[in-house]
Amino acid sequence: MLKINDYQFGSITIDGQNYRSDILINKGKIEKRNKVGTENYSGHAPLLITENIPWDCEELIIGTGKNGVMKVDSKIIEKAKELKIKLTILPTPLAIAKFNQADQNKTNAIFHLTC
């Protein structure tokens, strides 16, 4: 089970390993968020359906940044409903707390580390 030890603006530490870019957690594996389709966005790129979303779960937790600024594409919300996946969208500090309490065998996550 992964343990998120620390989060600061632009940095997250999981099991002692520090990451400085947005990440996703898929079945216990940590990957860099691949922002496919966000090239045309200046400033705060939203989470888009074109990205690698870890759908193979019962719950998907999305951290929208320190201040909750990152937007989530409405198509992601629609697809989660269609797939009957519980979708939790919170500012990253709250999303991390929720993830640390979650059953990680059934939960995946995406964490935006800035804004």
N, C-alpha and C. Protein backbone atom coordinates (compact mmCIF):
# COMPACT_ATOMS: atom_id res chain seq x y z
N MET A 1 0.84 -1.18 0.00
CA MET A 1 0.00 0.00 0.00
C MET A 1 0.89 1.25 0.00
N LEU A 2 0.58 2.18 -0.91
CA LEU A 2 1.34 3.42 -1.00
C LEU A 2 0.96 4.37 0.12
N LYS A 3 1.92 5.15 0.56
CA LYS A 3 1.66 6.17 1.58
C LYS A 3 2.22 7.49 1.06
N ILE A 4 1.34 8.46 0.91
CA ILE A 4 1.78 9.79 0.52
C ILE A 4 2.24 10.49 1.79
N ASN A 5 3.56 10.71 1.87
CA ASN A 5 4.16 11.24 3.08
C ASN A 5 4.11 12.75 3.17
N ASP A 6 4.19 13.43 2.02
CA ASP A 6 4.28 14.89 2.06
C ASP A 6 3.81 15.47 0.73
N TYR A 7 3.23 16.65 0.83
CA TYR A 7 2.84 17.41 -0.36
C TYR A 7 3.15 18.87 -0.10
N GLN A 8 3.86 19.45 -1.03
CA GLN A 8 4.11 20.89 -1.05
C GLN A 8 3.78 21.34 -2.47
N PHE A 9 3.51 22.62 -2.66
CA PHE A 9 3.23 23.15 -3.98
C PHE A 9 4.33 22.68 -4.95
N GLY A 10 3.95 21.89 -5.95
CA GLY A 10 4.88 21.42 -6.98
C GLY A 10 5.67 20.17 -6.63
N SER A 11 5.38 19.54 -5.49
CA SER A 11 6.16 18.39 -5.07
C SER A 11 5.32 17.46 -4.20
N ILE A 12 5.46 16.15 -4.46
CA ILE A 12 4.75 15.15 -3.66
C ILE A 12 5.75 14.03 -3.33
N THR A 13 5.67 13.53 -2.11
CA THR A 13 6.55 12.44 -1.68
C THR A 13 5.70 11.22 -1.35
N ILE A 14 6.00 10.12 -2.03
CA ILE A 14 5.25 8.87 -1.84
C ILE A 14 6.26 7.79 -1.46
N ASP A 15 6.04 7.19 -0.31
CA ASP A 15 6.95 6.15 0.20
C ASP A 15 8.41 6.61 0.12
N GLY A 16 8.65 7.86 0.47
CA GLY A 16 10.00 8.40 0.51
C GLY A 16 10.56 8.88 -0.82
N GLN A 17 9.86 8.63 -1.92
CA GLN A 17 10.31 9.06 -3.26
C GLN A 17 9.61 10.37 -3.62
N ASN A 18 10.40 11.36 -4.05
CA ASN A 18 9.86 12.66 -4.38
C ASN A 18 9.57 12.78 -5.88
N TYR A 19 8.43 13.37 -6.21
CA TYR A 19 8.01 13.61 -7.60
C TYR A 19 7.72 15.09 -7.76
N ARG A 20 8.12 15.66 -8.90
CA ARG A 20 7.94 17.09 -9.14
C ARG A 20 7.10 17.39 -10.37
N SER A 21 6.32 16.41 -10.78
CA SER A 21 5.36 16.65 -11.87
C SER A 21 4.07 15.94 -11.51
N ASP A 22 2.99 16.35 -12.14
CA ASP A 22 1.69 15.71 -11.89
C ASP A 22 1.83 14.21 -12.07
N ILE A 23 1.14 13.47 -11.23
CA ILE A 23 1.23 12.00 -11.30
C ILE A 23 -0.15 11.37 -11.35
N LEU A 24 -0.15 10.12 -11.75
CA LEU A 24 -1.34 9.30 -11.59
C LEU A 24 -0.91 8.00 -10.94
N ILE A 25 -1.81 7.45 -10.17
CA ILE A 25 -1.57 6.18 -9.52
C ILE A 25 -2.58 5.19 -10.08
N ASN A 26 -2.05 4.13 -10.68
CA ASN A 26 -2.87 3.13 -11.34
C ASN A 26 -2.49 1.76 -10.78
N LYS A 27 -3.38 1.19 -9.98
CA LYS A 27 -3.13 -0.12 -9.37
C LYS A 27 -1.81 -0.16 -8.61
N GLY A 28 -1.54 0.90 -7.86
CA GLY A 28 -0.35 0.97 -7.03
C GLY A 28 0.91 1.40 -7.76
N LYS A 29 0.83 1.61 -9.06
CA LYS A 29 1.99 2.07 -9.83
C LYS A 29 1.88 3.57 -10.05
N ILE A 30 3.00 4.25 -9.86
CA ILE A 30 3.04 5.70 -10.01
C ILE A 30 3.59 6.03 -11.39
N GLU A 31 2.85 6.89 -12.11
CA GLU A 31 3.25 7.29 -13.45
C GLU A 31 3.16 8.80 -13.56
N LYS A 32 3.96 9.38 -14.43
CA LYS A 32 3.86 10.80 -14.73
C LYS A 32 2.57 11.04 -15.51
N ARG A 33 1.85 12.09 -15.16
CA ARG A 33 0.63 12.44 -15.90
C ARG A 33 1.02 12.86 -17.31
N ASN A 34 0.43 12.19 -18.30
CA ASN A 34 0.66 12.49 -19.70
C ASN A 34 -0.45 13.42 -20.16
N LYS A 35 -0.12 14.69 -20.31
CA LYS A 35 -1.12 15.71 -20.60
C LYS A 35 -1.47 15.77 -22.09
N VAL A 36 -1.93 14.67 -22.65
CA VAL A 36 -2.28 14.58 -24.07
C VAL A 36 -3.48 15.48 -24.36
N GLY A 37 -3.33 16.34 -25.33
CA GLY A 37 -4.43 17.19 -25.75
C GLY A 37 -4.48 18.53 -25.05
N THR A 38 -3.54 18.79 -24.12
CA THR A 38 -3.58 20.05 -23.38
C THR A 38 -2.63 21.10 -23.97
N GLU A 39 -2.00 20.79 -25.09
CA GLU A 39 -1.00 21.68 -25.68
C GLU A 39 -1.55 23.07 -26.00
N ASN A 40 -2.82 23.17 -26.31
CA ASN A 40 -3.40 24.44 -26.72
C ASN A 40 -3.89 25.29 -25.54
N TYR A 41 -3.62 24.84 -24.33
CA TYR A 41 -4.05 25.58 -23.15
C TYR A 41 -2.86 26.32 -22.56
N SER A 42 -3.04 27.62 -22.37
CA SER A 42 -1.99 28.37 -21.67
C SER A 42 -2.41 28.45 -20.21
N GLY A 43 -1.43 28.52 -19.34
CA GLY A 43 -1.74 28.60 -17.92
C GLY A 43 -2.17 27.25 -17.37
N HIS A 44 -3.36 27.18 -16.83
CA HIS A 44 -3.84 26.00 -16.13
C HIS A 44 -4.51 25.03 -17.11
N ALA A 45 -3.78 23.98 -17.50
CA ALA A 45 -4.32 22.98 -18.41
C ALA A 45 -5.29 22.08 -17.65
N PRO A 46 -6.51 21.92 -18.17
CA PRO A 46 -7.48 21.06 -17.49
C PRO A 46 -7.14 19.57 -17.67
N LEU A 47 -7.76 18.75 -16.87
CA LEU A 47 -7.66 17.30 -17.04
C LEU A 47 -8.67 16.93 -18.12
N LEU A 48 -8.18 16.38 -19.23
CA LEU A 48 -9.02 16.08 -20.38
C LEU A 48 -9.23 14.59 -20.56
N ILE A 49 -10.32 14.24 -21.21
CA ILE A 49 -10.65 12.85 -21.51
C ILE A 49 -9.60 12.20 -22.42
N THR A 50 -8.83 13.01 -23.16
CA THR A 50 -7.81 12.49 -24.07
C THR A 50 -6.57 12.00 -23.33
N GLU A 51 -6.47 12.28 -22.04
CA GLU A 51 -5.32 11.85 -21.26
C GLU A 51 -5.46 10.39 -20.84
N ASN A 52 -4.39 9.86 -20.29
CA ASN A 52 -4.39 8.50 -19.79
C ASN A 52 -5.08 8.48 -18.42
N ILE A 53 -6.36 8.23 -18.41
CA ILE A 53 -7.13 8.19 -17.16
C ILE A 53 -7.15 6.74 -16.67
N PRO A 54 -6.78 6.49 -15.42
CA PRO A 54 -6.75 5.10 -14.91
C PRO A 54 -8.15 4.63 -14.50
N TRP A 55 -8.93 4.21 -15.50
CA TRP A 55 -10.34 3.84 -15.29
C TRP A 55 -10.55 2.50 -14.58
N ASP A 56 -9.56 1.66 -14.53
CA ASP A 56 -9.73 0.31 -13.99
C ASP A 56 -9.74 0.35 -12.46
N CYS A 57 -10.86 0.83 -11.89
CA CYS A 57 -10.98 0.98 -10.44
C CYS A 57 -12.45 1.12 -10.07
N GLU A 58 -12.71 1.11 -8.77
CA GLU A 58 -14.06 1.39 -8.27
C GLU A 58 -14.20 2.86 -7.89
N GLU A 59 -13.06 3.48 -7.50
CA GLU A 59 -13.07 4.90 -7.17
C GLU A 59 -11.86 5.56 -7.81
N LEU A 60 -12.09 6.74 -8.37
CA LEU A 60 -11.03 7.56 -8.95
C LEU A 60 -11.01 8.88 -8.19
N ILE A 61 -9.87 9.17 -7.57
CA ILE A 61 -9.71 10.42 -6.83
C ILE A 61 -8.86 11.36 -7.68
N ILE A 62 -9.35 12.57 -7.86
CA ILE A 62 -8.63 13.57 -8.65
C ILE A 62 -8.31 14.76 -7.75
N GLY A 63 -7.02 15.06 -7.63
CA GLY A 63 -6.57 16.24 -6.91
C GLY A 63 -6.37 17.38 -7.88
N THR A 64 -7.07 18.47 -7.66
CA THR A 64 -7.11 19.58 -8.62
C THR A 64 -6.14 20.71 -8.31
N GLY A 65 -5.10 20.42 -7.54
CA GLY A 65 -4.08 21.43 -7.21
C GLY A 65 -4.24 21.97 -5.81
N LYS A 66 -3.21 22.64 -5.35
CA LYS A 66 -3.20 23.16 -3.98
C LYS A 66 -4.44 23.99 -3.67
N ASN A 67 -4.83 24.83 -4.62
CA ASN A 67 -6.00 25.69 -4.43
C ASN A 67 -7.22 25.22 -5.22
N GLY A 68 -7.15 24.03 -5.80
CA GLY A 68 -8.29 23.48 -6.53
C GLY A 68 -8.60 24.17 -7.84
N VAL A 69 -7.58 24.71 -8.50
CA VAL A 69 -7.78 25.51 -9.71
C VAL A 69 -7.97 24.66 -10.98
N MET A 70 -7.31 23.49 -11.06
CA MET A 70 -7.39 22.69 -12.28
C MET A 70 -8.84 22.23 -12.53
N LYS A 71 -9.30 22.44 -13.73
CA LYS A 71 -10.64 22.00 -14.12
C LYS A 71 -10.59 20.56 -14.61
N VAL A 72 -11.73 19.88 -14.46
CA VAL A 72 -11.87 18.50 -14.94
C VAL A 72 -12.90 18.51 -16.06
N ASP A 73 -12.51 17.99 -17.21
CA ASP A 73 -13.38 17.90 -18.39
C ASP A 73 -14.69 17.20 -18.01
N SER A 74 -15.81 17.77 -18.40
CA SER A 74 -17.12 17.18 -18.10
C SER A 74 -17.27 15.78 -18.70
N LYS A 75 -16.51 15.49 -19.77
CA LYS A 75 -16.56 14.16 -20.38
C LYS A 75 -16.00 13.10 -19.43
N ILE A 76 -15.07 13.48 -18.56
CA ILE A 76 -14.53 12.56 -17.57
C ILE A 76 -15.61 12.23 -16.54
N ILE A 77 -16.35 13.23 -16.14
CA ILE A 77 -17.43 13.03 -15.18
C ILE A 77 -18.50 12.12 -15.78
N GLU A 78 -18.85 12.36 -17.04
CA GLU A 78 -19.83 11.52 -17.73
C GLU A 78 -19.36 10.08 -17.86
N LYS A 79 -18.08 9.89 -18.23
CA LYS A 79 -17.57 8.53 -18.41
C LYS A 79 -17.50 7.79 -17.08
N ALA A 80 -17.15 8.47 -16.01
CA ALA A 80 -17.12 7.83 -14.69
C ALA A 80 -18.52 7.33 -14.32
N LYS A 81 -19.54 8.13 -14.61
CA LYS A 81 -20.93 7.70 -14.35
C LYS A 81 -21.27 6.49 -15.20
N GLU A 82 -20.90 6.54 -16.46
CA GLU A 82 -21.18 5.45 -17.40
C GLU A 82 -20.51 4.15 -16.93
N LEU A 83 -19.28 4.25 -16.42
CA LEU A 83 -18.54 3.08 -15.96
C LEU A 83 -18.86 2.69 -14.51
N LYS A 84 -19.73 3.50 -13.87
CA LYS A 84 -20.11 3.28 -12.47
C LYS A 84 -18.91 3.34 -11.53
N ILE A 85 -18.03 4.32 -11.80
CA ILE A 85 -16.86 4.57 -10.96
C ILE A 85 -17.18 5.78 -10.07
N LYS A 86 -16.94 5.61 -8.77
CA LYS A 86 -17.12 6.74 -7.86
C LYS A 86 -16.00 7.73 -8.15
N LEU A 87 -16.38 8.97 -8.45
CA LEU A 87 -15.43 10.00 -8.79
C LEU A 87 -15.38 11.02 -7.67
N THR A 88 -14.19 11.24 -7.12
CA THR A 88 -14.00 12.22 -6.06
C THR A 88 -13.04 13.28 -6.58
N ILE A 89 -13.50 14.53 -6.63
CA ILE A 89 -12.69 15.64 -7.13
C ILE A 89 -12.54 16.64 -5.99
N LEU A 90 -11.28 16.83 -5.55
CA LEU A 90 -10.98 17.70 -4.42
C LEU A 90 -9.67 18.44 -4.66
N PRO A 91 -9.45 19.57 -3.96
CA PRO A 91 -8.10 20.15 -3.99
C PRO A 91 -7.09 19.09 -3.55
N THR A 92 -5.90 19.13 -4.10
CA THR A 92 -4.91 18.07 -3.88
C THR A 92 -4.66 17.73 -2.41
N PRO A 93 -4.52 18.68 -1.49
CA PRO A 93 -4.28 18.27 -0.10
C PRO A 93 -5.41 17.39 0.46
N LEU A 94 -6.65 17.70 0.13
CA LEU A 94 -7.78 16.90 0.60
C LEU A 94 -7.86 15.56 -0.15
N ALA A 95 -7.53 15.59 -1.44
CA ALA A 95 -7.53 14.35 -2.24
C ALA A 95 -6.48 13.38 -1.72
N ILE A 96 -5.32 13.90 -1.31
CA ILE A 96 -4.26 13.05 -0.76
C ILE A 96 -4.73 12.40 0.54
N ALA A 97 -5.36 13.17 1.40
CA ALA A 97 -5.86 12.61 2.67
C ALA A 97 -6.86 11.50 2.39
N LYS A 98 -7.74 11.71 1.42
CA LYS A 98 -8.73 10.70 1.05
C LYS A 98 -8.05 9.46 0.49
N PHE A 99 -7.05 9.65 -0.37
CA PHE A 99 -6.35 8.51 -0.97
C PHE A 99 -5.63 7.69 0.11
N ASN A 100 -4.99 8.37 1.04
CA ASN A 100 -4.28 7.66 2.10
C ASN A 100 -5.22 6.80 2.96
N GLN A 101 -6.49 7.14 3.01
CA GLN A 101 -7.48 6.39 3.78
C GLN A 101 -8.21 5.34 2.93
N ALA A 102 -8.06 5.43 1.62
CA ALA A 102 -8.83 4.58 0.70
C ALA A 102 -8.29 3.16 0.62
N ASP A 103 -9.15 2.26 0.15
CA ASP A 103 -8.73 0.90 -0.19
C ASP A 103 -8.03 1.00 -1.55
N GLN A 104 -6.71 0.97 -1.54
CA GLN A 104 -5.94 1.20 -2.76
C GLN A 104 -6.02 0.05 -3.74
N ASN A 105 -6.59 -1.07 -3.35
CA ASN A 105 -6.83 -2.15 -4.30
C ASN A 105 -7.99 -1.80 -5.24
N LYS A 106 -8.79 -0.83 -4.81
CA LYS A 106 -9.98 -0.45 -5.59
C LYS A 106 -9.94 1.01 -6.04
N THR A 107 -8.88 1.73 -5.68
CA THR A 107 -8.83 3.17 -5.89
C THR A 107 -7.60 3.58 -6.70
N ASN A 108 -7.82 4.40 -7.72
CA ASN A 108 -6.76 5.03 -8.49
C ASN A 108 -6.84 6.53 -8.25
N ALA A 109 -5.78 7.25 -8.67
CA ALA A 109 -5.77 8.68 -8.41
C ALA A 109 -4.96 9.44 -9.45
N ILE A 110 -5.29 10.72 -9.57
CA ILE A 110 -4.53 11.68 -10.38
C ILE A 110 -4.33 12.90 -9.50
N PHE A 111 -3.07 13.34 -9.39
CA PHE A 111 -2.78 14.51 -8.55
C PHE A 111 -2.09 15.59 -9.35
N HIS A 112 -2.73 16.77 -9.38
CA HIS A 112 -2.13 17.98 -9.95
C HIS A 112 -1.38 18.64 -8.81
N LEU A 113 -0.11 19.00 -9.01
CA LEU A 113 0.73 19.44 -7.90
C LEU A 113 0.86 20.95 -7.72
N THR A 114 0.42 21.73 -8.70
CA THR A 114 0.53 23.17 -8.54
C THR A 114 -0.87 23.78 -8.42
N CYS A 115 -1.00 25.00 -8.75
CA CYS A 115 -2.23 25.82 -8.65
C CYS A 115 -3.25 25.22 -7.70
